[in-house]
Amino acid sequence: MDQKKVILLLATYGIVQVLAQDLGIPSGDKQVKLIQTQPVEAAILYAGGYTVSEDHNIALMALAAYYFLKYVYSNKLAE
């Protein structure tokens, strides 16, 4: 599987995950722990950004902006 297909697969999983949550379908406990690990979370967010922009630089800048706003700009995480 080439790089673009892996990125598309991760982005598609992210969309399916959000749709499942919106429909009230609970996630598995191990699934939640895996997806919320920093590397997997970043990979899925990056993949979503790349799939929309088709530009690695834009996807990286959007990911950096997200983490900057989350950890530097914000005082605390939202409940």
Protein backbone atom coordinates (compact mmCIF):
# COMPACT_ATOMS: atom_id res chain seq x y z
CA MET A 1 0.00 0.00 0.00
CA ASP A 2 1.48 3.34 -0.99
CA GLN A 3 1.76 6.39 1.27
CA LYS A 4 -1.27 8.19 -0.13
CA LYS A 5 -3.50 5.16 0.46
CA VAL A 6 -2.30 4.84 4.07
CA ILE A 7 -3.07 8.53 4.64
CA LEU A 8 -6.49 8.12 3.02
CA LEU A 9 -7.19 5.06 5.18
CA LEU A 10 -6.34 6.96 8.39
CA ALA A 11 -8.46 9.94 7.36
CA THR A 12 -11.38 7.69 6.47
CA TYR A 13 -11.12 5.91 9.83
CA GLY A 14 -11.22 9.30 11.56
CA ILE A 15 -14.43 10.19 9.74
CA VAL A 16 -16.01 6.82 10.57
CA GLN A 17 -15.00 7.23 14.22
CA VAL A 18 -16.60 10.68 14.50
CA LEU A 19 -19.75 9.51 12.71
CA ALA A 20 -20.04 6.54 15.07
CA GLN A 21 -19.69 8.86 18.08
CA ASP A 22 -22.33 11.22 16.65
CA LEU A 23 -24.68 8.27 16.20
CA GLY A 24 -24.15 7.29 19.83
CA ILE A 25 -22.24 4.10 19.07
CA PRO A 26 -19.84 3.51 21.97
CA SER A 27 -16.17 2.84 21.26
CA GLY A 28 -14.29 -0.06 22.81
CA ASP A 29 -12.10 0.72 25.82
CA LYS A 30 -8.89 -0.41 24.10
CA GLN A 31 -9.94 1.42 20.94
CA VAL A 32 -10.27 4.71 22.84
CA LYS A 33 -6.91 4.27 24.58
CA LEU A 34 -5.17 3.52 21.27
CA ILE A 35 -6.72 6.40 19.33
CA GLN A 36 -5.94 8.87 22.13
CA THR A 37 -2.22 8.06 22.20
CA GLN A 38 -0.27 11.03 20.89
CA PRO A 39 1.25 9.33 17.80
CA VAL A 40 -2.02 7.78 16.61
CA GLU A 41 -4.00 10.94 17.34
CA ALA A 42 -1.50 13.06 15.42
CA ALA A 43 -1.43 10.62 12.50
CA ILE A 44 -5.21 10.64 12.13
CA LEU A 45 -5.43 14.43 12.44
CA TYR A 46 -2.59 14.87 9.92
CA ALA A 47 -4.26 12.43 7.54
CA GLY A 48 -7.50 14.38 7.71
CA GLY A 49 -5.68 17.63 7.01
CA TYR A 50 -3.76 16.13 4.10
CA THR A 51 -6.85 14.53 2.59
CA VAL A 52 -8.62 17.89 2.54
CA SER A 53 -5.66 19.99 1.35
CA GLU A 54 -3.60 17.43 -0.63
CA ASP A 55 -0.58 19.37 0.62
CA HIS A 56 1.81 17.98 3.22
CA ASN A 57 2.96 21.45 4.32
CA ILE A 58 -0.57 22.72 4.89
CA ALA A 59 -1.49 19.55 6.79
CA LEU A 60 1.57 19.95 9.04
CA MET A 61 0.85 23.65 9.63
CA ALA A 62 -2.77 22.88 10.54
CA LEU A 63 -1.65 20.12 12.91
CA ALA A 64 0.91 22.43 14.52
CA ALA A 65 -1.74 25.15 14.88
CA TYR A 66 -4.12 22.67 16.52
CA TYR A 67 -1.55 21.55 19.09
CA PHE A 68 -0.38 25.13 19.69
CA LEU A 69 -3.93 26.26 20.42
CA LYS A 70 -4.59 23.19 22.57
CA TYR A 71 -1.43 23.15 24.70
CA VAL A 72 0.07 26.66 24.53
CA TYR A 73 -2.73 29.16 23.91
CA SER A 74 -5.47 27.52 25.98
CA ASN A 75 -5.40 27.66 29.77
CA LYS A 76 -7.04 24.28 30.26
CA LEU A 77 -8.72 21.52 28.29
CA ALA A 78 -12.44 21.89 27.66
CA GLU A 79 -14.73 19.61 29.63
